[in-house]
Structures are given as structure tokens and as C-alpha cells.
Amino acid sequence: MPAPDPFRGRVAVITGGAGGIGFAMAEAFAARGARIVLADLDEAGMAQRAKALAANGAEVLCVPTDVTLRESVASLTPPGSASAQRTWSATTRESRSPARSCR
């Protein structure tokens, strides 16, 4: 029996996730079973990419983020923290569809 994938069930926070290399990384992590947090300034682009990821079964959360601002990056709570788990659960529960959490 093969070993379980170490990314399955983990959270991957992808800066620049609305396009290019960031989106390619999001696809790769999602294919391995990770839940995805897209962090980007392009909210429309994130929503579009989130729909594509969700269509393939991924759980996706979008967080508008400007990586040039420390406060903005700080809002990306470390994925393993209790507050991140509460945020993820509340957001996906409210939307009933992970892609809808990305507006």
C-alpha cells in the first residue's frame, strides 16, 4: 500500500495565486489533496482561479493580499493555528461552496 500523500488535508497558502506560477502551484498542491488559500491583489482573478480549482474538487479560500505591506501579509494567519482553522471552517460553511468564498 502506498504511503499517504503528505500534502493531503494540509493548507497551502499561495501568494500570487491569481495567475502564472502561483496558480500552477495551486493546481499542483490541490491535485495532491491540499486545501488552497489564494493570496493576491487581483480579486477577480482569484475568484476565476478558485472556480477552476473547485471544479476539480479543491477547497479554496481567497484572501486579498498585498505582499509589499507587512500588515497584509500578517493577515495570512499561519495555517496550523487555531484561528486559521476557525476562519477556514466558518468561511467554507457560510458559502457552502469553497469557490464562493472568493468573490
N, C-alpha and C. Protein backbone atom coordinates (compact mmCIF):
# COMPACT_ATOMS: atom_id res chain seq x y z
N MET A 1 0.85 -1.17 0.00
CA MET A 1 0.00 0.00 0.00
C MET A 1 0.89 1.24 0.00
N PRO A 2 0.64 2.19 -0.92
CA PRO A 2 1.48 3.39 -0.98
C PRO A 2 1.26 4.28 0.24
N ALA A 3 2.30 5.03 0.58
CA ALA A 3 2.21 5.96 1.71
C ALA A 3 1.25 7.09 1.35
N PRO A 4 0.50 7.60 2.33
CA PRO A 4 -0.40 8.72 2.04
C PRO A 4 0.40 9.96 1.64
N ASP A 5 -0.20 10.77 0.79
CA ASP A 5 0.47 11.99 0.34
C ASP A 5 0.58 12.97 1.50
N PRO A 6 1.78 13.50 1.78
CA PRO A 6 1.95 14.41 2.92
C PRO A 6 1.22 15.74 2.75
N PHE A 7 0.75 16.06 1.55
CA PHE A 7 0.02 17.31 1.34
C PHE A 7 -1.48 17.16 1.55
N ARG A 8 -2.00 15.95 1.55
CA ARG A 8 -3.44 15.72 1.68
C ARG A 8 -3.93 16.28 3.02
N GLY A 9 -4.94 17.16 2.91
CA GLY A 9 -5.53 17.75 4.11
C GLY A 9 -4.79 18.94 4.69
N ARG A 10 -3.63 19.24 4.15
CA ARG A 10 -2.88 20.42 4.64
C ARG A 10 -3.37 21.66 3.91
N VAL A 11 -2.96 22.82 4.40
CA VAL A 11 -3.33 24.09 3.78
C VAL A 11 -2.11 24.67 3.09
N ALA A 12 -2.25 24.99 1.80
CA ALA A 12 -1.18 25.64 1.05
C ALA A 12 -1.58 27.09 0.79
N VAL A 13 -0.79 28.02 1.33
CA VAL A 13 -1.03 29.45 1.10
C VAL A 13 -0.16 29.86 -0.07
N ILE A 14 -0.80 30.34 -1.14
CA ILE A 14 -0.11 30.65 -2.38
C ILE A 14 -0.20 32.15 -2.66
N THR A 15 0.92 32.87 -2.51
CA THR A 15 0.92 34.29 -2.88
C THR A 15 1.03 34.37 -4.40
N GLY A 16 0.37 35.36 -4.97
CA GLY A 16 0.35 35.46 -6.44
C GLY A 16 -0.48 34.35 -7.05
N GLY A 17 -1.47 33.85 -6.30
CA GLY A 17 -2.25 32.70 -6.73
C GLY A 17 -3.24 32.95 -7.84
N ALA A 18 -3.43 34.21 -8.25
CA ALA A 18 -4.40 34.50 -9.29
C ALA A 18 -3.86 34.26 -10.70
N GLY A 19 -2.59 33.96 -10.82
CA GLY A 19 -2.08 33.72 -12.18
C GLY A 19 -0.68 33.16 -12.20
N GLY A 20 -0.25 32.80 -13.37
CA GLY A 20 1.12 32.36 -13.61
C GLY A 20 1.59 31.22 -12.74
N ILE A 21 2.79 31.39 -12.21
CA ILE A 21 3.41 30.35 -11.40
C ILE A 21 2.60 30.08 -10.14
N GLY A 22 2.04 31.13 -9.54
CA GLY A 22 1.23 30.94 -8.33
C GLY A 22 0.05 30.02 -8.57
N PHE A 23 -0.65 30.22 -9.68
CA PHE A 23 -1.79 29.37 -9.97
C PHE A 23 -1.33 27.95 -10.31
N ALA A 24 -0.23 27.82 -11.00
CA ALA A 24 0.31 26.48 -11.30
C ALA A 24 0.63 25.74 -10.00
N MET A 25 1.19 26.45 -9.04
CA MET A 25 1.48 25.82 -7.74
C MET A 25 0.17 25.43 -7.04
N ALA A 26 -0.83 26.30 -7.11
CA ALA A 26 -2.12 25.98 -6.50
C ALA A 26 -2.71 24.71 -7.12
N GLU A 27 -2.63 24.59 -8.43
CA GLU A 27 -3.13 23.39 -9.10
C GLU A 27 -2.36 22.15 -8.63
N ALA A 28 -1.05 22.28 -8.53
CA ALA A 28 -0.22 21.14 -8.13
C ALA A 28 -0.53 20.70 -6.70
N PHE A 29 -0.64 21.65 -5.77
CA PHE A 29 -0.96 21.31 -4.39
C PHE A 29 -2.38 20.74 -4.28
N ALA A 30 -3.32 21.34 -5.02
CA ALA A 30 -4.71 20.85 -4.99
C ALA A 30 -4.79 19.42 -5.51
N ALA A 31 -4.03 19.12 -6.55
CA ALA A 31 -4.03 17.77 -7.11
C ALA A 31 -3.55 16.73 -6.10
N ARG A 32 -2.77 17.18 -5.14
CA ARG A 32 -2.24 16.28 -4.11
C ARG A 32 -3.11 16.29 -2.85
N GLY A 33 -4.24 17.00 -2.91
CA GLY A 33 -5.19 16.96 -1.80
C GLY A 33 -5.10 18.08 -0.80
N ALA A 34 -4.28 19.08 -1.06
CA ALA A 34 -4.17 20.21 -0.14
C ALA A 34 -5.36 21.15 -0.31
N ARG A 35 -5.74 21.81 0.79
CA ARG A 35 -6.71 22.90 0.71
C ARG A 35 -5.91 24.14 0.34
N ILE A 36 -6.50 25.01 -0.47
CA ILE A 36 -5.75 26.11 -1.07
C ILE A 36 -6.23 27.46 -0.55
N VAL A 37 -5.27 28.31 -0.18
CA VAL A 37 -5.54 29.71 0.11
C VAL A 37 -4.84 30.51 -0.97
N LEU A 38 -5.62 31.19 -1.82
CA LEU A 38 -5.05 32.07 -2.83
C LEU A 38 -4.90 33.45 -2.22
N ALA A 39 -3.71 34.01 -2.30
CA ALA A 39 -3.43 35.34 -1.75
C ALA A 39 -2.91 36.21 -2.91
N ASP A 40 -3.65 37.26 -3.23
CA ASP A 40 -3.30 38.09 -4.38
C ASP A 40 -4.04 39.41 -4.28
N LEU A 41 -3.61 40.39 -5.04
CA LEU A 41 -4.33 41.67 -5.13
C LEU A 41 -5.49 41.59 -6.10
N ASP A 42 -5.39 40.69 -7.08
CA ASP A 42 -6.38 40.56 -8.14
C ASP A 42 -7.56 39.71 -7.67
N GLU A 43 -8.56 40.37 -7.09
CA GLU A 43 -9.70 39.63 -6.53
C GLU A 43 -10.51 38.92 -7.60
N ALA A 44 -10.72 39.58 -8.74
CA ALA A 44 -11.47 38.94 -9.82
C ALA A 44 -10.70 37.72 -10.35
N GLY A 45 -9.39 37.87 -10.49
CA GLY A 45 -8.56 36.76 -10.95
C GLY A 45 -8.58 35.60 -9.97
N MET A 46 -8.53 35.92 -8.66
CA MET A 46 -8.60 34.85 -7.65
C MET A 46 -9.93 34.12 -7.74
N ALA A 47 -11.02 34.85 -7.90
CA ALA A 47 -12.35 34.22 -7.98
C ALA A 47 -12.42 33.28 -9.19
N GLN A 48 -11.89 33.74 -10.30
CA GLN A 48 -11.88 32.91 -11.52
C GLN A 48 -11.05 31.65 -11.31
N ARG A 49 -9.87 31.81 -10.74
CA ARG A 49 -8.99 30.65 -10.50
C ARG A 49 -9.59 29.71 -9.46
N ALA A 50 -10.25 30.29 -8.45
CA ALA A 50 -10.87 29.46 -7.43
C ALA A 50 -11.97 28.58 -8.03
N LYS A 51 -12.74 29.13 -8.94
CA LYS A 51 -13.78 28.34 -9.61
C LYS A 51 -13.16 27.18 -10.38
N ALA A 52 -12.05 27.45 -11.05
CA ALA A 52 -11.37 26.39 -11.81
C ALA A 52 -10.86 25.29 -10.87
N LEU A 53 -10.27 25.69 -9.76
CA LEU A 53 -9.77 24.72 -8.79
C LEU A 53 -10.92 23.91 -8.18
N ALA A 54 -11.99 24.61 -7.80
CA ALA A 54 -13.14 23.95 -7.18
C ALA A 54 -13.81 22.97 -8.15
N ALA A 55 -13.79 23.31 -9.43
CA ALA A 55 -14.37 22.41 -10.44
C ALA A 55 -13.65 21.07 -10.46
N ASN A 56 -12.41 21.07 -10.02
CA ASN A 56 -11.63 19.84 -9.94
C ASN A 56 -11.62 19.25 -8.53
N GLY A 57 -12.50 19.77 -7.66
CA GLY A 57 -12.65 19.19 -6.33
C GLY A 57 -11.85 19.83 -5.21
N ALA A 58 -11.14 20.90 -5.48
CA ALA A 58 -10.32 21.54 -4.44
C ALA A 58 -11.17 22.43 -3.54
N GLU A 59 -10.74 22.54 -2.27
CA GLU A 59 -11.30 23.52 -1.35
C GLU A 59 -10.43 24.76 -1.47
N VAL A 60 -11.06 25.93 -1.68
CA VAL A 60 -10.31 27.14 -1.94
C VAL A 60 -10.84 28.30 -1.10
N LEU A 61 -9.91 29.09 -0.58
CA LEU A 61 -10.23 30.31 0.15
C LEU A 61 -9.39 31.42 -0.48
N CYS A 62 -10.00 32.59 -0.73
CA CYS A 62 -9.27 33.72 -1.30
C CYS A 62 -9.06 34.80 -0.24
N VAL A 63 -7.83 35.32 -0.18
CA VAL A 63 -7.50 36.37 0.78
C VAL A 63 -6.81 37.50 0.01
N PRO A 64 -7.50 38.63 -0.18
CA PRO A 64 -6.82 39.76 -0.85
C PRO A 64 -5.57 40.13 -0.05
N THR A 65 -4.42 40.13 -0.73
CA THR A 65 -3.15 40.32 -0.04
C THR A 65 -2.21 41.15 -0.90
N ASP A 66 -1.58 42.14 -0.26
CA ASP A 66 -0.51 42.92 -0.90
C ASP A 66 0.78 42.55 -0.19
N VAL A 67 1.62 41.78 -0.85
CA VAL A 67 2.83 41.28 -0.19
C VAL A 67 3.85 42.38 0.09
N THR A 68 3.61 43.59 -0.40
CA THR A 68 4.51 44.70 -0.08
C THR A 68 4.15 45.37 1.24
N LEU A 69 3.03 44.96 1.83
CA LEU A 69 2.59 45.53 3.10
C LEU A 69 2.62 44.47 4.19
N ARG A 70 3.42 44.71 5.20
CA ARG A 70 3.59 43.76 6.30
C ARG A 70 2.25 43.38 6.93
N GLU A 71 1.37 44.36 7.13
CA GLU A 71 0.08 44.10 7.77
C GLU A 71 -0.77 43.15 6.92
N SER A 72 -0.70 43.32 5.61
CA SER A 72 -1.46 42.49 4.71
C SER A 72 -0.98 41.04 4.78
N VAL A 73 0.31 40.86 4.79
CA VAL A 73 0.88 39.51 4.88
C VAL A 73 0.59 38.91 6.25
N ALA A 74 0.63 39.73 7.29
CA ALA A 74 0.35 39.25 8.64
C ALA A 74 -1.08 38.73 8.76
N SER A 75 -1.97 39.23 7.90
CA SER A 75 -3.36 38.75 7.95
C SER A 75 -3.49 37.32 7.44
N LEU A 76 -2.45 36.81 6.80
CA LEU A 76 -2.44 35.40 6.39
C LEU A 76 -2.01 34.58 7.60
N THR A 77 -2.96 34.31 8.46
CA THR A 77 -2.68 33.58 9.69
C THR A 77 -2.01 32.26 9.38
N PRO A 78 -1.00 31.88 10.14
CA PRO A 78 -0.36 30.59 9.89
C PRO A 78 -1.39 29.48 9.82
N PRO A 79 -1.34 28.65 8.76
CA PRO A 79 -2.36 27.64 8.52
C PRO A 79 -2.61 26.69 9.67
N GLY A 80 -1.63 26.38 10.49
CA GLY A 80 -1.82 25.42 11.57
C GLY A 80 -2.44 26.01 12.81
N SER A 81 -2.63 27.33 12.85
CA SER A 81 -3.13 27.95 14.07
C SER A 81 -4.63 27.69 14.26
N ALA A 82 -5.07 27.75 15.48
CA ALA A 82 -6.48 27.53 15.79
C ALA A 82 -7.35 28.58 15.12
N SER A 83 -6.89 29.84 15.07
CA SER A 83 -7.72 30.88 14.45
C SER A 83 -7.85 30.67 12.96
N ALA A 84 -6.83 30.14 12.30
CA ALA A 84 -6.92 29.85 10.87
C ALA A 84 -7.94 28.75 10.63
N GLN A 85 -7.95 27.74 11.47
CA GLN A 85 -8.91 26.64 11.32
C GLN A 85 -10.33 27.15 11.52
N ARG A 86 -10.53 28.06 12.49
CA ARG A 86 -11.86 28.61 12.70
C ARG A 86 -12.28 29.44 11.49
N THR A 87 -11.36 30.26 10.96
CA THR A 87 -11.68 31.09 9.79
C THR A 87 -12.03 30.21 8.61
N TRP A 88 -11.21 29.18 8.36
CA TRP A 88 -11.47 28.28 7.22
C TRP A 88 -12.84 27.65 7.38
N SER A 89 -13.14 27.11 8.54
CA SER A 89 -14.40 26.41 8.77
C SER A 89 -15.59 27.35 8.61
N ALA A 90 -15.50 28.53 9.18
CA ALA A 90 -16.60 29.48 9.09
C ALA A 90 -16.83 29.93 7.66
N THR A 91 -15.76 30.21 6.94
CA THR A 91 -15.90 30.71 5.57
C THR A 91 -16.48 29.65 4.66
N THR A 92 -15.97 28.45 4.72
CA THR A 92 -16.47 27.41 3.82
C THR A 92 -17.88 26.98 4.23
N ARG A 93 -18.19 27.02 5.51
CA ARG A 93 -19.53 26.65 5.96
C ARG A 93 -20.54 27.70 5.51
N GLU A 94 -20.19 28.98 5.60
CA GLU A 94 -21.11 30.06 5.21
C GLU A 94 -21.40 30.01 3.72
N SER A 95 -20.37 29.73 2.92
CA SER A 95 -20.53 29.80 1.47
C SER A 95 -21.15 28.54 0.88
N ARG A 96 -21.03 27.41 1.60
CA ARG A 96 -21.46 26.10 1.13
C ARG A 96 -20.70 25.64 -0.09
N SER A 97 -19.90 26.48 -0.69
CA SER A 97 -19.06 26.10 -1.82
C SER A 97 -17.74 26.83 -1.65
N PRO A 98 -16.62 26.11 -1.59
CA PRO A 98 -15.34 26.78 -1.36
C PRO A 98 -15.06 27.91 -2.35
N ALA A 99 -15.42 27.74 -3.61
CA ALA A 99 -15.13 28.77 -4.60
C ALA A 99 -15.92 30.05 -4.33
N ARG A 100 -17.10 29.92 -3.70
CA ARG A 100 -17.90 31.10 -3.43
C ARG A 100 -17.29 31.96 -2.33
N SER A 101 -16.34 31.43 -1.58
CA SER A 101 -15.69 32.25 -0.58
C SER A 101 -14.76 33.26 -1.23
N CYS A 102 -14.52 33.08 -2.52
CA CYS A 102 -13.71 34.01 -3.31
C CYS A 102 -14.66 34.84 -4.15
N ARG A 103 -14.76 36.09 -3.81
CA ARG A 103 -15.72 36.95 -4.51
C ARG A 103 -15.07 37.72 -5.62
